[in-house]
C-alpha atoms as a PDB file:
ATOM      1  CA  UNK A   1     -28.355  -6.457 -28.977  1.00  0.00           C
ATOM      2  CA  UNK A   2     -29.764  -3.783 -26.569  1.00  0.00           C
ATOM      3  CA  UNK A   3     -33.033  -1.928 -26.880  1.00  0.00           C
ATOM      4  CA  UNK A   4     -33.506   1.816 -26.662  1.00  0.00           C
ATOM      5  CA  UNK A   5     -31.806   4.431 -24.458  1.00  0.00           C
ATOM      6  CA  UNK A   6     -32.782   2.694 -21.267  1.00  0.00           C
ATOM      7  CA  UNK A   7     -31.117  -0.638 -22.145  1.00  0.00           C
ATOM      8  CA  UNK A   8     -27.386  -1.570 -22.027  1.00  0.00           C
ATOM      9  CA  UNK A   9     -25.381  -3.600 -24.441  1.00  0.00           C
ATOM     10  CA  UNK A  10     -26.667  -6.899 -23.145  1.00  0.00           C
ATOM     11  CA  UNK A  11     -30.292  -6.025 -22.994  1.00  0.00           C
ATOM     12  CA  UNK A  12     -30.101  -5.182 -19.369  1.00  0.00           C
ATOM     13  CA  UNK A  13     -31.402  -1.944 -17.925  1.00  0.00           C
ATOM     14  CA  UNK A  14     -28.655   0.728 -17.958  1.00  0.00           C
ATOM     15  CA  UNK A  15     -27.191   1.829 -14.628  1.00  0.00           C
ATOM     16  CA  UNK A  16     -28.229   5.467 -14.011  1.00  0.00           C
ATOM     17  CA  UNK A  17     -25.417   7.712 -12.681  1.00  0.00           C
ATOM     18  CA  UNK A  18     -26.602  10.933 -11.080  1.00  0.00           C
ATOM     19  CA  UNK A  19     -24.229  13.896 -11.192  1.00  0.00           C
ATOM     20  CA  UNK A  20     -25.333  16.004  -8.261  1.00  0.00           C
ATOM     21  CA  UNK A  21     -22.755  18.732  -8.013  1.00  0.00           C
ATOM     22  CA  UNK A  22     -22.672  22.543  -8.552  1.00  0.00           C
ATOM     23  CA  UNK A  23     -22.561  23.534 -12.225  1.00  0.00           C
ATOM     24  CA  UNK A  24     -19.443  25.624 -11.771  1.00  0.00           C
ATOM     25  CA  UNK A  25     -17.645  22.389 -10.841  1.00  0.00           C
ATOM     26  CA  UNK A  26     -18.732  20.487 -13.979  1.00  0.00           C
ATOM     27  CA  UNK A  27     -19.401  23.216 -16.553  1.00  0.00           C
ATOM     28  CA  UNK A  28     -16.809  24.767 -18.882  1.00  0.00           C
ATOM     29  CA  UNK A  29     -17.916  27.874 -20.881  1.00  0.00           C
ATOM     30  CA  UNK A  30     -21.027  26.872 -22.766  1.00  0.00           C
ATOM     31  CA  UNK A  31     -20.298  23.128 -22.431  1.00  0.00           C
ATOM     32  CA  UNK A  32     -22.495  20.995 -20.206  1.00  0.00           C
ATOM     33  CA  UNK A  33     -19.441  19.495 -18.571  1.00  0.00           C
ATOM     34  CA  UNK A  34     -15.919  20.684 -17.898  1.00  0.00           C
ATOM     35  CA  UNK A  35     -13.096  18.917 -19.826  1.00  0.00           C
ATOM     36  CA  UNK A  36     -12.145  16.475 -16.971  1.00  0.00           C
ATOM     37  CA  UNK A  37     -15.802  15.736 -15.980  1.00  0.00           C
ATOM     38  CA  UNK A  38     -16.758  15.410 -19.630  1.00  0.00           C
ATOM     39  CA  UNK A  39     -13.882  12.858 -20.134  1.00  0.00           C
ATOM     40  CA  UNK A  40     -15.003  10.810 -17.127  1.00  0.00           C
ATOM     41  CA  UNK A  41     -18.757  10.683 -18.225  1.00  0.00           C
ATOM     42  CA  UNK A  42     -17.916  10.127 -21.935  1.00  0.00           C
ATOM     43  CA  UNK A  43     -15.822   7.078 -20.900  1.00  0.00           C
ATOM     44  CA  UNK A  44     -18.608   5.741 -18.777  1.00  0.00           C
ATOM     45  CA  UNK A  45     -21.178   6.185 -21.606  1.00  0.00           C
ATOM     46  CA  UNK A  46     -18.775   4.438 -24.012  1.00  0.00           C
ATOM     47  CA  UNK A  47     -19.316   1.212 -22.076  1.00  0.00           C
ATOM     48  CA  UNK A  48     -22.915   1.272 -23.155  1.00  0.00           C
ATOM     49  CA  UNK A  49     -24.064   0.294 -19.683  1.00  0.00           C
ATOM     50  CA  UNK A  50     -24.530   3.713 -18.053  1.00  0.00           C
ATOM     51  CA  UNK A  51     -27.019   6.535 -18.389  1.00  0.00           C
ATOM     52  CA  UNK A  52     -25.875   9.906 -17.001  1.00  0.00           C
ATOM     53  CA  UNK A  53     -28.421  12.194 -15.293  1.00  0.00           C
ATOM     54  CA  UNK A  54     -27.226  15.754 -14.622  1.00  0.00           C
ATOM     55  CA  UNK A  55     -29.196  17.339 -11.700  1.00  0.00           C
ATOM     56  CA  UNK A  56     -28.202  20.920 -12.301  1.00  0.00           C
ATOM     57  CA  UNK A  57     -28.195  23.908  -9.876  1.00  0.00           C
ATOM     58  CA  UNK A  58     -31.908  24.647 -10.136  1.00  0.00           C
ATOM     59  CA  UNK A  59     -32.845  21.147  -9.062  1.00  0.00           C
ATOM     60  CA  UNK A  60     -30.156  20.968  -6.309  1.00  0.00           C
ATOM     61  CA  UNK A  61     -30.935  24.378  -4.792  1.00  0.00           C
ATOM     62  CA  UNK A  62     -34.694  24.818  -5.345  1.00  0.00           C
ATOM     63  CA  UNK A  63     -36.449  21.448  -5.828  1.00  0.00           C
ATOM     64  CA  UNK A  64     -37.333  19.250  -2.770  1.00  0.00           C
ATOM     65  CA  UNK A  65     -35.363  16.038  -2.675  1.00  0.00           C
ATOM     66  CA  UNK A  66     -38.508  13.991  -3.403  1.00  0.00           C
ATOM     67  CA  UNK A  67     -38.452  15.488  -6.837  1.00  0.00           C
ATOM     68  CA  UNK A  68     -34.805  14.990  -7.547  1.00  0.00           C
ATOM     69  CA  UNK A  69     -34.064  12.398 -10.213  1.00  0.00           C
ATOM     70  CA  UNK A  70     -33.777   8.818  -8.999  1.00  0.00           C
ATOM     71  CA  UNK A  71     -30.477   7.113  -9.803  1.00  0.00           C
ATOM     72  CA  UNK A  72     -28.565   3.941  -9.057  1.00  0.00           C
ATOM     73  CA  UNK A  73     -25.267   5.612  -8.371  1.00  0.00           C
ATOM     74  CA  UNK A  74     -24.551   9.136  -7.138  1.00  0.00           C
ATOM     75  CA  UNK A  75     -21.593  11.423  -7.787  1.00  0.00           C
ATOM     76  CA  UNK A  76     -21.946  14.247  -5.229  1.00  0.00           C
ATOM     77  CA  UNK A  77     -19.325  16.403  -3.626  1.00  0.00           C
ATOM     78  CA  UNK A  78     -19.237  19.749  -1.801  1.00  0.00           C
ATOM     79  CA  UNK A  79     -18.246  23.127  -3.189  1.00  0.00           C
ATOM     80  CA  UNK A  80     -19.158  26.600  -1.890  1.00  0.00           C
ATOM     81  CA  UNK A  81     -22.896  27.068  -1.884  1.00  0.00           C
ATOM     82  CA  UNK A  82     -23.626  23.320  -2.069  1.00  0.00           C
ATOM     83  CA  UNK A  83     -26.391  22.059   0.224  1.00  0.00           C
ATOM     84  CA  UNK A  84     -24.573  19.038   1.628  1.00  0.00           C
ATOM     85  CA  UNK A  85     -27.278  18.263   4.250  1.00  0.00           C
ATOM     86  CA  UNK A  86     -29.912  18.226   1.487  1.00  0.00           C
ATOM     87  CA  UNK A  87     -27.810  15.765  -0.550  1.00  0.00           C
ATOM     88  CA  UNK A  88     -27.450  13.591   2.560  1.00  0.00           C
ATOM     89  CA  UNK A  89     -31.214  13.557   3.057  1.00  0.00           C
ATOM     90  CA  UNK A  90     -31.659  12.521  -0.630  1.00  0.00           C
ATOM     91  CA  UNK A  91     -29.067   9.678  -0.265  1.00  0.00           C
ATOM     92  CA  UNK A  92     -30.942   8.479   2.869  1.00  0.00           C
ATOM     93  CA  UNK A  93     -34.249   8.550   0.978  1.00  0.00           C
ATOM     94  CA  UNK A  94     -33.194   6.924  -2.301  1.00  0.00           C
ATOM     95  CA  UNK A  95     -30.136   4.879  -1.128  1.00  0.00           C
ATOM     96  CA  UNK A  96     -28.060   5.089  -4.306  1.00  0.00           C
ATOM     97  CA  UNK A  97     -24.487   3.770  -4.401  1.00  0.00           C
ATOM     98  CA  UNK A  98     -22.246   6.720  -3.349  1.00  0.00           C
ATOM     99  CA  UNK A  99     -18.901   7.124  -5.110  1.00  0.00           C
ATOM    100  CA  UNK A 100     -17.926   9.636  -2.373  1.00  0.00           C
ATOM    101  CA  UNK A 101     -19.774   9.246   0.947  1.00  0.00           C
ATOM    102  CA  UNK A 102     -21.432  12.469   2.005  1.00  0.00           C
ATOM    103  CA  UNK A 103     -21.210  12.582   5.774  1.00  0.00           C
ATOM    104  CA  UNK A 104     -17.300  12.558   5.991  1.00  0.00           C
ATOM    105  CA  UNK A 105     -17.220  15.547   3.596  1.00  0.00           C
ATOM    106  CA  UNK A 106     -18.099  17.739   6.612  1.00  0.00           C
ATOM    107  CA  UNK A 107     -14.626  16.867   7.992  1.00  0.00           C
ATOM    108  CA  UNK A 108     -12.833  18.218   4.960  1.00  0.00           C
ATOM    109  CA  UNK A 109     -13.860  21.909   5.897  1.00  0.00           C
ATOM    110  CA  UNK A 110     -11.919  21.753   9.132  1.00  0.00           C
ATOM    111  CA  UNK A 111      -8.209  21.112   9.042  1.00  0.00           C
ATOM    112  CA  UNK A 112      -8.221  20.094  12.680  1.00  0.00           C
ATOM    113  CA  UNK A 113     -10.728  17.295  11.907  1.00  0.00           C
ATOM    114  CA  UNK A 114      -8.725  16.248   8.844  1.00  0.00           C
ATOM    115  CA  UNK A 115      -5.546  15.806  10.852  1.00  0.00           C
ATOM    116  CA  UNK A 116      -7.453  14.019  13.701  1.00  0.00           C
ATOM    117  CA  UNK A 117      -8.852  11.554  11.177  1.00  0.00           C
ATOM    118  CA  UNK A 118      -5.466  10.993   9.538  1.00  0.00           C
ATOM    119  CA  UNK A 119      -3.881  10.282  12.885  1.00  0.00           C
ATOM    120  CA  UNK A 120      -6.730   7.979  13.850  1.00  0.00           C
ATOM    121  CA  UNK A 121      -5.825   5.844  10.885  1.00  0.00           C
ATOM    122  CA  UNK A 122      -2.120   5.968  11.527  1.00  0.00           C
ATOM    123  CA  UNK A 123      -1.395   8.072   8.464  1.00  0.00           C
ATOM    124  CA  UNK A 124       1.770  10.248   9.075  1.00  0.00           C
ATOM    125  CA  UNK A 125       1.199  14.059   9.291  1.00  0.00           C
ATOM    126  CA  UNK A 126       3.754  16.715   9.960  1.00  0.00           C
ATOM    127  CA  UNK A 127       4.398  17.567  13.727  1.00  0.00           C
ATOM    128  CA  UNK A 128       1.757  20.170  14.559  1.00  0.00           C
ATOM    129  CA  UNK A 129      -0.105  22.057  17.251  1.00  0.00           C
ATOM    130  CA  UNK A 130      -3.519  23.772  17.453  1.00  0.00           C
ATOM    131  CA  UNK A 131      -4.231  27.312  18.576  1.00  0.00           C
ATOM    132  CA  UNK A 132      -8.013  27.663  19.070  1.00  0.00           C
ATOM    133  CA  UNK A 133      -9.398  31.144  19.739  1.00  0.00           C
ATOM    134  CA  UNK A 134     -13.048  31.502  20.698  1.00  0.00           C
ATOM    135  CA  UNK A 135     -12.884  35.037  19.480  1.00  0.00           C
ATOM    136  CA  UNK A 136     -10.349  37.009  17.401  1.00  0.00           C
ATOM    137  CA  UNK A 137      -7.257  38.397  19.120  1.00  0.00           C
ATOM    138  CA  UNK A 138      -8.014  36.404  22.334  1.00  0.00           C
ATOM    139  CA  UNK A 139      -5.004  36.128  24.538  1.00  0.00           C
ATOM    140  CA  UNK A 140      -4.208  32.513  25.302  1.00  0.00           C
ATOM    141  CA  UNK A 141      -2.148  31.364  28.323  1.00  0.00           C
ATOM    142  CA  UNK A 142      -0.776  28.349  26.451  1.00  0.00           C
ATOM    143  CA  UNK A 143       0.605  30.334  23.422  1.00  0.00           C
ATOM    144  CA  UNK A 144       3.953  32.124  23.551  1.00  0.00           C
ATOM    145  CA  UNK A 145       5.651  33.940  20.645  1.00  0.00           C
ATOM    146  CA  UNK A 146       9.316  34.820  20.607  1.00  0.00           C
ATOM    147  CA  UNK A 147      11.408  36.260  17.742  1.00  0.00           C
ATOM    148  CA  UNK A 148      12.421  32.763  16.303  1.00  0.00           C
ATOM    149  CA  UNK A 149       9.873  30.427  17.694  1.00  0.00           C
ATOM    150  CA  UNK A 150       6.403  29.863  19.053  1.00  0.00           C
ATOM    151  CA  UNK A 151       5.376  27.587  21.826  1.00  0.00           C
ATOM    152  CA  UNK A 152       1.897  25.928  22.103  1.00  0.00           C
ATOM    153  CA  UNK A 153       1.213  23.969  25.323  1.00  0.00           C
ATOM    154  CA  UNK A 154       4.992  23.736  25.857  1.00  0.00           C
ATOM    155  CA  UNK A 155       5.479  22.361  22.309  1.00  0.00           C
ATOM    156  CA  UNK A 156       8.126  24.515  20.622  1.00  0.00           C
ATOM    157  CA  UNK A 157       8.160  25.249  16.845  1.00  0.00           C
ATOM    158  CA  UNK A 158      11.366  26.997  15.541  1.00  0.00           C
ATOM    159  CA  UNK A 159      11.168  29.085  12.398  1.00  0.00           C
ATOM    160  CA  UNK A 160      10.629  28.218   9.672  1.00  0.00           C
ATOM    161  CA  UNK A 161       7.158  26.953  10.558  1.00  0.00           C
ATOM    162  CA  UNK A 162       3.858  26.813   8.699  1.00  0.00           C
ATOM    163  CA  UNK A 163       0.667  28.522   9.786  1.00  0.00           C
ATOM    164  CA  UNK A 164      -2.674  27.273   8.359  1.00  0.00           C
ATOM    165  CA  UNK A 165      -6.222  28.544   9.069  1.00  0.00           C
ATOM    166  CA  UNK A 166      -8.402  25.782  10.606  1.00  0.00           C
ATOM    167  CA  UNK A 167     -10.994  26.636   7.905  1.00  0.00           C
ATOM    168  CA  UNK A 168     -10.260  24.165   5.121  1.00  0.00           C
ATOM    169  CA  UNK A 169     -11.710  26.572   2.501  1.00  0.00           C
ATOM    170  CA  UNK A 170      -9.289  29.354   3.481  1.00  0.00           C
ATOM    171  CA  UNK A 171      -6.077  28.810   1.365  1.00  0.00           C
ATOM    172  CA  UNK A 172      -4.079  31.657   2.844  1.00  0.00           C
ATOM    173  CA  UNK A 173      -1.168  29.612   4.367  1.00  0.00           C
ATOM    174  CA  UNK A 174       1.886  31.378   5.736  1.00  0.00           C
ATOM    175  CA  UNK A 175       5.488  30.466   6.399  1.00  0.00           C
ATOM    176  CA  UNK A 176       7.521  32.449   8.919  1.00  0.00           C
ATOM    177  CA  UNK A 177      11.293  32.552   8.498  1.00  0.00           C
ATOM    178  CA  UNK A 178      14.048  32.909  11.169  1.00  0.00           C
ATOM    179  CA  UNK A 179      15.986  36.109  11.822  1.00  0.00           C
ATOM    180  CA  UNK A 180      19.203  34.259  10.711  1.00  0.00           C
ATOM    181  CA  UNK A 181      17.649  34.062   7.264  1.00  0.00           C
ATOM    182  CA  UNK A 182      16.509  37.670   7.284  1.00  0.00           C
ATOM    183  CA  UNK A 183      13.097  36.964   8.830  1.00  0.00           C
ATOM    184  CA  UNK A 184       9.878  37.693   7.072  1.00  0.00           C
ATOM    185  CA  UNK A 185       6.847  35.687   5.964  1.00  0.00           C
ATOM    186  CA  UNK A 186       5.749  34.024   2.755  1.00  0.00           C
ATOM    187  CA  UNK A 187       2.047  33.944   2.071  1.00  0.00           C
ATOM    188  CA  UNK A 188       0.925  30.952  -0.119  1.00  0.00           C
ATOM    189  CA  UNK A 189      -2.471  31.187  -1.901  1.00  0.00           C
ATOM    190  CA  UNK A 190      -4.546  29.703  -4.705  1.00  0.00           C
ATOM    191  CA  UNK A 191      -2.983  30.580  -8.100  1.00  0.00           C
ATOM    192  CA  UNK A 192      -3.664  34.185  -9.210  1.00  0.00           C
ATOM    193  CA  UNK A 193      -2.387  34.527 -12.792  1.00  0.00           C
ATOM    194  CA  UNK A 194       1.250  33.411 -12.607  1.00  0.00           C
ATOM    195  CA  UNK A 195       1.607  33.834  -8.835  1.00  0.00           C
ATOM    196  CA  UNK A 196       1.045  31.300  -6.052  1.00  0.00           C
ATOM    197  CA  UNK A 197       2.941  32.938  -3.132  1.00  0.00           C
ATOM    198  CA  UNK A 198       4.275  36.282  -2.078  1.00  0.00           C
ATOM    199  CA  UNK A 199       7.067  37.258   0.316  1.00  0.00           C
ATOM    200  CA  UNK A 200       6.548  39.941   3.000  1.00  0.00           C
ATOM    201  CA  UNK A 201       9.933  40.806   4.419  1.00  0.00           C
ATOM    202  CA  UNK A 202       8.565  42.970   7.286  1.00  0.00           C
ATOM    203  CA  UNK A 203       6.005  40.617   8.685  1.00  0.00           C
ATOM    204  CA  UNK A 204       7.482  38.868  11.862  1.00  0.00           C
ATOM    205  CA  UNK A 205       4.554  38.162  14.088  1.00  0.00           C
ATOM    206  CA  UNK A 206       1.921  35.312  13.547  1.00  0.00           C
ATOM    207  CA  UNK A 207      -1.770  36.030  12.931  1.00  0.00           C
ATOM    208  CA  UNK A 208      -4.070  36.364  15.895  1.00  0.00           C
ATOM    209  CA  UNK A 209      -7.396  36.969  14.196  1.00  0.00           C
ATOM    210  CA  UNK A 210      -8.677  33.403  14.616  1.00  0.00           C
ATOM    211  CA  UNK A 211      -7.787  29.770  15.075  1.00  0.00           C
ATOM    212  CA  UNK A 212      -4.659  28.214  13.359  1.00  0.00           C
ATOM    213  CA  UNK A 213      -2.701  25.021  12.962  1.00  0.00           C
ATOM    214  CA  UNK A 214       1.105  25.420  13.316  1.00  0.00           C
ATOM    215  CA  UNK A 215       3.365  22.821  11.917  1.00  0.00           C
ATOM    216  CA  UNK A 216       6.981  22.031  11.320  1.00  0.00           C
ATOM    217  CA  UNK A 217       8.260  23.153   7.923  1.00  0.00           C
ATOM    218  CA  UNK A 218       9.193  20.156   5.841  1.00  0.00           C
ATOM    219  CA  UNK A 219      11.950  20.671   3.275  1.00  0.00           C
ATOM    220  CA  UNK A 220      10.844  18.955   0.018  1.00  0.00           C
ATOM    221  CA  UNK A 221      13.386  19.979  -2.458  1.00  0.00           C
ATOM    222  CA  UNK A 222      11.031  22.344  -4.163  1.00  0.00           C
ATOM    223  CA  UNK A 223       8.256  19.992  -5.300  1.00  0.00           C
ATOM    224  CA  UNK A 224       4.754  19.196  -4.075  1.00  0.00           C
ATOM    225  CA  UNK A 225       3.158  15.876  -4.788  1.00  0.00           C
ATOM    226  CA  UNK A 226      -0.546  15.692  -5.540  1.00  0.00           C
ATOM    227  CA  UNK A 227      -2.147  12.224  -5.241  1.00  0.00           C
ATOM    228  CA  UNK A 228      -5.498  11.262  -6.715  1.00  0.00           C
ATOM    229  CA  UNK A 229      -7.197   8.032  -5.665  1.00  0.00           C
ATOM    230  CA  UNK A 230      -9.827   6.170  -7.730  1.00  0.00           C
ATOM    231  CA  UNK A 231     -11.070   3.721  -5.030  1.00  0.00           C
ATOM    232  CA  UNK A 232      -8.686   2.138  -2.519  1.00  0.00           C
ATOM    233  CA  UNK A 233      -6.789   0.097  -5.192  1.00  0.00           C
ATOM    234  CA  UNK A 234      -5.620   2.810  -7.606  1.00  0.00           C
ATOM    235  CA  UNK A 235      -3.817   6.140  -7.189  1.00  0.00           C
ATOM    236  CA  UNK A 236      -2.229   8.563  -9.665  1.00  0.00           C
ATOM    237  CA  UNK A 237       0.397  11.068  -8.561  1.00  0.00           C
ATOM    238  CA  UNK A 238       1.880  14.180 -10.077  1.00  0.00           C
ATOM    239  CA  UNK A 239       4.562  16.636  -8.902  1.00  0.00           C
ATOM    240  CA  UNK A 240       4.665  20.410  -9.396  1.00  0.00           C
ATOM    241  CA  UNK A 241       6.960  23.168  -8.420  1.00  0.00           C
ATOM    242  CA  UNK A 242       6.170  24.165  -4.798  1.00  0.00           C
ATOM    243  CA  UNK A 243       4.730  27.645  -4.320  1.00  0.00           C
ATOM    244  CA  UNK A 244       7.326  27.969  -1.498  1.00  0.00           C
ATOM    245  CA  UNK A 245      10.158  28.207  -4.051  1.00  0.00           C
ATOM    246  CA  UNK A 246       9.507  31.608  -5.632  1.00  0.00           C
ATOM    247  CA  UNK A 247       5.748  31.786  -6.086  1.00  0.00           C
ATOM    248  CA  UNK A 248       6.056  31.816  -9.877  1.00  0.00           C
ATOM    249  CA  UNK A 249       3.797  29.141 -11.559  1.00  0.00           C
ATOM    250  CA  UNK A 250       5.721  27.126 -14.171  1.00  0.00           C
ATOM    251  CA  UNK A 251       3.571  26.817 -17.290  1.00  0.00           C
ATOM    252  CA  UNK A 252       3.897  24.929 -20.607  1.00  0.00           C
ATOM    253  CA  UNK A 253       3.416  26.573 -24.073  1.00  0.00           C
ATOM    254  CA  UNK A 254      -0.381  26.069 -23.681  1.00  0.00           C
ATOM    255  CA  UNK A 255      -0.454  28.082 -20.549  1.00  0.00           C
ATOM    256  CA  UNK A 256      -1.141  25.051 -18.316  1.00  0.00           C
ATOM    257  CA  UNK A 257       0.753  24.498 -14.990  1.00  0.00           C
ATOM    258  CA  UNK A 258       3.664  22.036 -15.583  1.00  0.00           C
ATOM    259  CA  UNK A 259       3.126  18.787 -13.697  1.00  0.00           C
ATOM    260  CA  UNK A 260       5.098  15.562 -13.891  1.00  0.00           C
ATOM    261  CA  UNK A 261       3.698  12.089 -13.239  1.00  0.00           C
ATOM    262  CA  UNK A 262       5.541  10.426 -10.300  1.00  0.00           C
ATOM    263  CA  UNK A 263       5.718   6.927  -9.061  1.00  0.00           C
ATOM    264  CA  UNK A 264       4.496   6.310  -5.540  1.00  0.00           C
ATOM    265  CA  UNK A 265       6.497   4.074  -3.209  1.00  0.00           C
ATOM    266  CA  UNK A 266       4.701   0.953  -1.733  1.00  0.00           C
ATOM    267  CA  UNK A 267       4.407   2.904   1.566  1.00  0.00           C
ATOM    268  CA  UNK A 268       2.809   5.867  -0.256  1.00  0.00           C
ATOM    269  CA  UNK A 269       0.449   3.548  -2.042  1.00  0.00           C
ATOM    270  CA  UNK A 270      -0.684   2.203   1.253  1.00  0.00           C
ATOM    271  CA  UNK A 271      -1.149   5.777   2.556  1.00  0.00           C
ATOM    272  CA  UNK A 272      -3.374   6.609  -0.513  1.00  0.00           C
ATOM    273  CA  UNK A 273      -5.487   3.501   0.135  1.00  0.00           C
ATOM    274  CA  UNK A 274      -5.893   4.573   3.854  1.00  0.00           C
ATOM    275  CA  UNK A 275      -6.825   8.160   2.986  1.00  0.00           C
ATOM    276  CA  UNK A 276      -9.432   6.929   0.561  1.00  0.00           C
ATOM    277  CA  UNK A 277     -10.839   4.548   3.283  1.00  0.00           C
ATOM    278  CA  UNK A 278     -10.430   6.964   6.208  1.00  0.00           C
ATOM    279  CA  UNK A 279     -12.581   9.691   4.557  1.00  0.00           C
ATOM    280  CA  UNK A 280     -14.737   7.210   2.491  1.00  0.00           C
ATOM    281  CA  UNK A 281     -14.072   9.203  -0.682  1.00  0.00           C
ATOM    282  CA  UNK A 282     -13.725   6.971  -3.688  1.00  0.00           C
ATOM    283  CA  UNK A 283     -12.250   9.775  -5.756  1.00  0.00           C
ATOM    284  CA  UNK A 284      -9.979  11.765  -3.478  1.00  0.00           C
ATOM    285  CA  UNK A 285      -7.126  14.232  -3.930  1.00  0.00           C
ATOM    286  CA  UNK A 286      -4.590  14.856  -1.269  1.00  0.00           C
ATOM    287  CA  UNK A 287      -1.187  16.527  -0.797  1.00  0.00           C
ATOM    288  CA  UNK A 288       1.921  14.554   0.019  1.00  0.00           C
ATOM    289  CA  UNK A 289       5.155  15.943   1.452  1.00  0.00           C
ATOM    290  CA  UNK A 290       8.375  13.976   0.725  1.00  0.00           C
ATOM    291  CA  UNK A 291      10.959  15.112   3.195  1.00  0.00           C
ATOM    292  CA  UNK A 292      14.194  13.335   4.473  1.00  0.00           C
ATOM    293  CA  UNK A 293      13.136   9.988   3.023  1.00  0.00           C
ATOM    294  CA  UNK A 294       9.728  10.041   4.797  1.00  0.00           C
ATOM    295  CA  UNK A 295       6.256  10.954   3.395  1.00  0.00           C
ATOM    296  CA  UNK A 296       3.533  12.911   5.145  1.00  0.00           C
ATOM    297  CA  UNK A 297      -0.021  13.855   4.271  1.00  0.00           C
ATOM    298  CA  UNK A 298      -0.626  17.590   4.783  1.00  0.00           C
ATOM    299  CA  UNK A 299      -4.017  18.237   3.117  1.00  0.00           C
ATOM    300  CA  UNK A 300      -7.071  16.170   1.922  1.00  0.00           C
ATOM    301  CA  UNK A 301      -9.352  17.772  -0.648  1.00  0.00           C
ATOM    302  CA  UNK A 302     -12.029  15.067  -1.380  1.00  0.00           C
ATOM    303  CA  UNK A 303     -13.175  14.877  -5.052  1.00  0.00           C
ATOM    304  CA  UNK A 304     -10.450  16.363  -7.234  1.00  0.00           C
ATOM    305  CA  UNK A 305      -9.966  16.456 -10.980  1.00  0.00           C
ATOM    306  CA  UNK A 306      -6.562  15.659 -12.463  1.00  0.00           C
ATOM    307  CA  UNK A 307      -5.701  18.636 -14.624  1.00  0.00           C
ATOM    308  CA  UNK A 308      -4.487  18.296 -18.227  1.00  0.00           C
ATOM    309  CA  UNK A 309      -3.922  14.510 -18.223  1.00  0.00           C
ATOM    310  CA  UNK A 310      -5.785  12.494 -20.839  1.00  0.00           C
ATOM    311  CA  UNK A 311      -4.771   9.271 -19.082  1.00  0.00           C
END
């Protein structure tokens, strides 16, 4: 039916898909692509209608955009060291179809902007307040800290409450506990070995070294829900043990973190659709808190791979 490599199964020219992301996000050991990215691209190739072009770090970082490969469709997403503005200039020049729009990816690095965008689209978020410091340890007249609560612009948050850096790439999130529960603070962080949080019984006062979001602690029964959209019409969701429980990562016999597929409610499916559209990210991961019969979005990550799920 088709011709050589450049033709699809019906004799039409193949659609070229450019993979313009940092190699550390798509490589796995000596493999060209990591397991999840390899699965995605292998399935695209199996249709016989797509040709995959991998840009690579050297091209992305060193070549001018005029010399980047030309493609019909672009997979491009930010990770540390990625020249997002350069990718935007390339997209403006060549006008490929973007799976994930580039401009809104700037929002994902600032938790203030993420919450602002979620609220703009009517997507529920936990009750929160912003503490913006122009310089570290700046005294703010609108911020009060007492033993069991803080007050921001007259808005009071009783312990336990959550403290998040406004920098979306900083994953050191803290929960402060009331004196009635013995006080102390739990630091949540990206998994290190089998740990994802650590309790510090003697820490009572909040951080003052920068700008933070404070939000109400939402009891979730010990699970976090991770949602992954593929366009506005489809979402996959998984639950894992929350790092708030004891900080020990549950793993299966293969050493992978245990996650359970969960069904989203109609309301949560609508939220997934709106997150995808609000940030214009076709493939988009975000965190959902289920608390007291309601659901809230508390983090949006942009392009995310579902781990250890063949489906």
